[in-house]
Amino acid sequence: MLINKGLTAGDIISIKTTAGEEIIAKLVEDNDKFVKVSKPLCLTATKEGIGLVPFMFTIDPETEISISKQTVMVVTPSVKHSADAYLQNTTGIKLV
């Protein structure tokens, strides 16, 4: 059985919204009203499989955004391979 240690700032997390979007981002803050994240990316289907695209195209990629808990179904740590893909996509550093 896995024990969930909870979420801490700096964790790479996955968020599922009530609209069905799946977001991967770095956690800044989590409270009763919102989840604040940085560099949010949204999962999308491509011909090659799952891809990552900006959650919002019209903002600076470095902008921290707050997502209302009223629109969030699940917030959980991302699995390692997804977190590694996110870090590679947002930093350009390939993890081995």
N, C-alpha and C. Protein backbone atom coordinates (compact mmCIF):
# COMPACT_ATOMS: atom_id res chain seq x y z
N MET A 1 0.83 -1.17 0.00
CA MET A 1 0.00 0.00 0.00
C MET A 1 0.89 1.24 0.00
N LEU A 2 0.56 2.20 -0.86
CA LEU A 2 1.28 3.46 -0.90
C LEU A 2 0.69 4.43 0.10
N ILE A 3 1.56 5.14 0.79
CA ILE A 3 1.11 6.16 1.73
C ILE A 3 1.30 7.52 1.07
N ASN A 4 0.20 8.29 0.96
CA ASN A 4 0.26 9.60 0.34
C ASN A 4 0.78 10.61 1.35
N LYS A 5 1.94 11.20 1.05
CA LYS A 5 2.55 12.17 1.97
C LYS A 5 1.93 13.55 1.84
N GLY A 6 0.97 13.69 0.94
CA GLY A 6 0.37 14.99 0.70
C GLY A 6 1.16 15.75 -0.36
N LEU A 7 0.72 16.93 -0.65
CA LEU A 7 1.35 17.75 -1.68
C LEU A 7 2.14 18.87 -1.03
N THR A 8 3.28 19.18 -1.62
CA THR A 8 4.08 20.30 -1.14
C THR A 8 4.48 21.16 -2.32
N ALA A 9 4.71 22.43 -2.05
CA ALA A 9 5.12 23.36 -3.11
C ALA A 9 6.34 22.79 -3.82
N GLY A 10 6.32 22.89 -5.14
CA GLY A 10 7.41 22.37 -5.96
C GLY A 10 7.14 21.01 -6.56
N ASP A 11 6.13 20.30 -6.02
CA ASP A 11 5.77 19.00 -6.59
C ASP A 11 5.20 19.17 -7.99
N ILE A 12 5.43 18.18 -8.84
CA ILE A 12 4.78 18.14 -10.15
C ILE A 12 3.48 17.38 -9.94
N ILE A 13 2.36 18.04 -10.26
CA ILE A 13 1.04 17.47 -9.97
C ILE A 13 0.20 17.34 -11.22
N SER A 14 -0.79 16.46 -11.12
CA SER A 14 -1.79 16.29 -12.17
C SER A 14 -3.13 16.74 -11.60
N ILE A 15 -3.88 17.48 -12.42
CA ILE A 15 -5.18 18.01 -12.03
C ILE A 15 -6.20 17.56 -13.08
N LYS A 16 -7.33 17.05 -12.64
CA LYS A 16 -8.44 16.73 -13.54
C LYS A 16 -9.55 17.70 -13.23
N THR A 17 -10.00 18.44 -14.24
CA THR A 17 -11.04 19.45 -14.04
C THR A 17 -12.42 18.86 -14.32
N THR A 18 -13.45 19.57 -13.88
CA THR A 18 -14.82 19.13 -14.15
C THR A 18 -15.15 19.20 -15.63
N ALA A 19 -14.37 19.97 -16.40
CA ALA A 19 -14.57 20.04 -17.85
C ALA A 19 -13.88 18.88 -18.57
N GLY A 20 -13.15 18.05 -17.82
CA GLY A 20 -12.48 16.90 -18.41
C GLY A 20 -11.04 17.14 -18.81
N GLU A 21 -10.54 18.36 -18.61
CA GLU A 21 -9.16 18.65 -18.95
C GLU A 21 -8.24 17.98 -17.93
N GLU A 22 -7.09 17.51 -18.42
CA GLU A 22 -6.06 17.01 -17.52
C GLU A 22 -4.85 17.93 -17.65
N ILE A 23 -4.44 18.47 -16.51
CA ILE A 23 -3.37 19.46 -16.46
C ILE A 23 -2.21 18.89 -15.66
N ILE A 24 -1.00 19.15 -16.12
CA ILE A 24 0.19 18.82 -15.34
C ILE A 24 0.94 20.13 -15.13
N ALA A 25 1.40 20.35 -13.90
CA ALA A 25 2.01 21.64 -13.56
C ALA A 25 2.85 21.50 -12.30
N LYS A 26 3.60 22.56 -11.98
CA LYS A 26 4.34 22.61 -10.73
C LYS A 26 3.47 23.31 -9.69
N LEU A 27 3.30 22.68 -8.54
CA LEU A 27 2.47 23.22 -7.48
C LEU A 27 3.15 24.40 -6.80
N VAL A 28 2.41 25.50 -6.67
CA VAL A 28 2.87 26.67 -5.93
C VAL A 28 2.18 26.70 -4.57
N GLU A 29 0.84 26.52 -4.59
CA GLU A 29 0.05 26.56 -3.35
C GLU A 29 -1.22 25.76 -3.53
N ASP A 30 -1.65 25.10 -2.47
CA ASP A 30 -2.91 24.35 -2.48
C ASP A 30 -3.67 24.71 -1.20
N ASN A 31 -4.88 25.27 -1.36
CA ASN A 31 -5.69 25.59 -0.19
C ASN A 31 -7.15 25.21 -0.47
N ASP A 32 -8.06 25.61 0.40
CA ASP A 32 -9.46 25.21 0.27
C ASP A 32 -10.16 25.83 -0.94
N LYS A 33 -9.67 26.97 -1.42
CA LYS A 33 -10.37 27.69 -2.48
C LYS A 33 -9.76 27.51 -3.87
N PHE A 34 -8.44 27.30 -3.94
CA PHE A 34 -7.80 27.19 -5.25
C PHE A 34 -6.51 26.39 -5.17
N VAL A 35 -6.06 25.99 -6.36
CA VAL A 35 -4.75 25.39 -6.54
C VAL A 35 -3.96 26.37 -7.40
N LYS A 36 -2.86 26.87 -6.87
CA LYS A 36 -2.01 27.79 -7.64
C LYS A 36 -0.85 26.98 -8.21
N VAL A 37 -0.64 27.11 -9.54
CA VAL A 37 0.40 26.35 -10.23
C VAL A 37 1.23 27.26 -11.12
N SER A 38 2.39 26.76 -11.50
CA SER A 38 3.21 27.46 -12.49
C SER A 38 3.44 26.53 -13.68
N LYS A 39 3.64 27.13 -14.83
CA LYS A 39 3.91 26.42 -16.08
C LYS A 39 2.90 25.29 -16.36
N PRO A 40 1.60 25.58 -16.31
CA PRO A 40 0.62 24.52 -16.54
C PRO A 40 0.58 24.09 -18.01
N LEU A 41 0.55 22.79 -18.21
CA LEU A 41 0.40 22.21 -19.54
C LEU A 41 -0.81 21.30 -19.52
N CYS A 42 -1.47 21.20 -20.66
CA CYS A 42 -2.66 20.38 -20.79
C CYS A 42 -2.32 19.17 -21.67
N LEU A 43 -2.83 18.01 -21.30
CA LEU A 43 -2.62 16.82 -22.12
C LEU A 43 -3.55 16.86 -23.31
N THR A 44 -3.03 16.42 -24.45
CA THR A 44 -3.83 16.36 -25.66
C THR A 44 -3.44 15.14 -26.47
N ALA A 45 -4.38 14.62 -27.24
CA ALA A 45 -4.10 13.47 -28.09
C ALA A 45 -3.50 13.94 -29.41
N THR A 46 -2.43 13.27 -29.84
CA THR A 46 -1.81 13.54 -31.13
C THR A 46 -1.71 12.23 -31.92
N LYS A 47 -1.26 12.31 -33.17
CA LYS A 47 -1.08 11.08 -33.96
C LYS A 47 -0.05 10.16 -33.33
N GLU A 48 0.93 10.76 -32.62
CA GLU A 48 2.00 9.97 -32.02
C GLU A 48 1.67 9.50 -30.60
N GLY A 49 0.55 9.92 -30.06
CA GLY A 49 0.17 9.57 -28.69
C GLY A 49 -0.20 10.82 -27.91
N ILE A 50 0.03 10.79 -26.60
CA ILE A 50 -0.30 11.92 -25.75
C ILE A 50 0.78 12.99 -25.87
N GLY A 51 0.32 14.26 -26.00
CA GLY A 51 1.24 15.39 -26.08
C GLY A 51 0.90 16.43 -25.03
N LEU A 52 1.81 17.36 -24.83
CA LEU A 52 1.61 18.45 -23.88
C LEU A 52 1.56 19.77 -24.63
N VAL A 53 0.53 20.56 -24.33
CA VAL A 53 0.37 21.88 -24.93
C VAL A 53 0.12 22.89 -23.81
N PRO A 54 0.39 24.17 -24.05
CA PRO A 54 0.11 25.17 -23.00
C PRO A 54 -1.36 25.11 -22.57
N PHE A 55 -1.59 25.25 -21.27
CA PHE A 55 -2.96 25.29 -20.74
C PHE A 55 -3.67 26.53 -21.25
N MET A 56 -2.95 27.66 -21.33
CA MET A 56 -3.47 28.89 -21.91
C MET A 56 -2.43 29.42 -22.88
N PHE A 57 -2.86 29.73 -24.09
CA PHE A 57 -1.94 30.18 -25.12
C PHE A 57 -1.67 31.68 -25.06
N THR A 58 -2.50 32.44 -24.36
CA THR A 58 -2.40 33.90 -24.42
C THR A 58 -1.74 34.53 -23.20
N ILE A 59 -1.06 33.73 -22.39
CA ILE A 59 -0.37 34.26 -21.21
C ILE A 59 1.11 33.93 -21.30
N ASP A 60 1.91 34.66 -20.54
CA ASP A 60 3.33 34.36 -20.43
C ASP A 60 3.46 32.97 -19.80
N PRO A 61 4.26 32.09 -20.39
CA PRO A 61 4.39 30.73 -19.85
C PRO A 61 4.88 30.69 -18.39
N GLU A 62 5.50 31.75 -17.92
CA GLU A 62 6.00 31.80 -16.54
C GLU A 62 4.95 32.27 -15.54
N THR A 63 3.77 32.67 -16.01
CA THR A 63 2.71 33.18 -15.15
C THR A 63 2.18 32.08 -14.23
N GLU A 64 2.05 32.40 -12.94
CA GLU A 64 1.40 31.49 -12.00
C GLU A 64 -0.10 31.73 -12.10
N ILE A 65 -0.86 30.64 -12.17
CA ILE A 65 -2.32 30.78 -12.26
C ILE A 65 -2.98 30.04 -11.10
N SER A 66 -4.14 30.54 -10.71
CA SER A 66 -4.94 29.91 -9.66
C SER A 66 -6.15 29.27 -10.31
N ILE A 67 -6.37 28.00 -10.01
CA ILE A 67 -7.50 27.25 -10.54
C ILE A 67 -8.47 27.01 -9.39
N SER A 68 -9.70 27.47 -9.55
CA SER A 68 -10.71 27.35 -8.51
C SER A 68 -10.99 25.89 -8.18
N LYS A 69 -11.06 25.57 -6.90
CA LYS A 69 -11.37 24.20 -6.47
C LYS A 69 -12.78 23.79 -6.90
N GLN A 70 -13.65 24.78 -7.22
CA GLN A 70 -14.99 24.45 -7.70
C GLN A 70 -14.95 23.77 -9.06
N THR A 71 -13.85 23.95 -9.79
CA THR A 71 -13.73 23.35 -11.12
C THR A 71 -12.75 22.18 -11.15
N VAL A 72 -12.32 21.74 -9.97
CA VAL A 72 -11.32 20.67 -9.88
C VAL A 72 -11.95 19.43 -9.27
N MET A 73 -11.74 18.28 -9.92
CA MET A 73 -12.21 17.01 -9.37
C MET A 73 -11.11 16.31 -8.58
N VAL A 74 -9.87 16.34 -9.12
CA VAL A 74 -8.77 15.59 -8.50
C VAL A 74 -7.47 16.40 -8.61
N VAL A 75 -6.69 16.40 -7.54
CA VAL A 75 -5.33 16.93 -7.54
C VAL A 75 -4.46 15.86 -6.91
N THR A 76 -3.44 15.41 -7.64
CA THR A 76 -2.61 14.31 -7.15
C THR A 76 -1.20 14.44 -7.69
N PRO A 77 -0.22 13.87 -7.00
CA PRO A 77 1.14 13.88 -7.55
C PRO A 77 1.16 13.14 -8.89
N SER A 78 1.94 13.62 -9.83
CA SER A 78 2.09 12.96 -11.13
C SER A 78 3.01 11.75 -11.00
N VAL A 79 2.77 10.74 -11.81
CA VAL A 79 3.68 9.59 -11.83
C VAL A 79 5.01 10.02 -12.41
N LYS A 80 6.07 9.30 -12.09
CA LYS A 80 7.43 9.70 -12.44
C LYS A 80 7.61 9.95 -13.93
N HIS A 81 7.14 9.05 -14.80
CA HIS A 81 7.39 9.25 -16.23
C HIS A 81 6.67 10.50 -16.76
N SER A 82 5.51 10.81 -16.20
CA SER A 82 4.80 12.03 -16.62
C SER A 82 5.50 13.28 -16.08
N ALA A 83 5.95 13.22 -14.83
CA ALA A 83 6.68 14.34 -14.24
C ALA A 83 7.98 14.59 -15.01
N ASP A 84 8.67 13.52 -15.39
CA ASP A 84 9.91 13.66 -16.16
C ASP A 84 9.64 14.30 -17.53
N ALA A 85 8.56 13.89 -18.21
CA ALA A 85 8.20 14.47 -19.51
C ALA A 85 7.86 15.95 -19.35
N TYR A 86 7.15 16.28 -18.28
CA TYR A 86 6.80 17.67 -18.00
C TYR A 86 8.07 18.50 -17.78
N LEU A 87 8.98 18.00 -16.95
CA LEU A 87 10.22 18.74 -16.68
C LEU A 87 11.05 18.91 -17.95
N GLN A 88 11.11 17.89 -18.79
CA GLN A 88 11.84 18.01 -20.05
C GLN A 88 11.19 19.06 -20.94
N ASN A 89 9.86 19.07 -20.97
CA ASN A 89 9.13 20.02 -21.82
C ASN A 89 9.28 21.46 -21.33
N THR A 90 9.33 21.67 -20.01
CA THR A 90 9.36 23.03 -19.48
C THR A 90 10.77 23.57 -19.26
N THR A 91 11.76 22.67 -19.16
CA THR A 91 13.13 23.12 -18.92
C THR A 91 14.09 22.82 -20.06
N GLY A 92 13.73 21.86 -20.90
CA GLY A 92 14.63 21.44 -21.98
C GLY A 92 15.67 20.44 -21.51
N ILE A 93 15.66 20.10 -20.24
CA ILE A 93 16.63 19.14 -19.69
C ILE A 93 16.07 17.74 -19.84
N LYS A 94 16.82 16.86 -20.49
CA LYS A 94 16.39 15.48 -20.67
C LYS A 94 16.86 14.67 -19.47
N LEU A 95 15.90 14.06 -18.76
CA LEU A 95 16.22 13.26 -17.59
C LEU A 95 16.48 11.82 -18.02
N VAL A 96 17.51 11.21 -17.42
CA VAL A 96 17.83 9.81 -17.76
C VAL A 96 17.77 8.95 -16.52
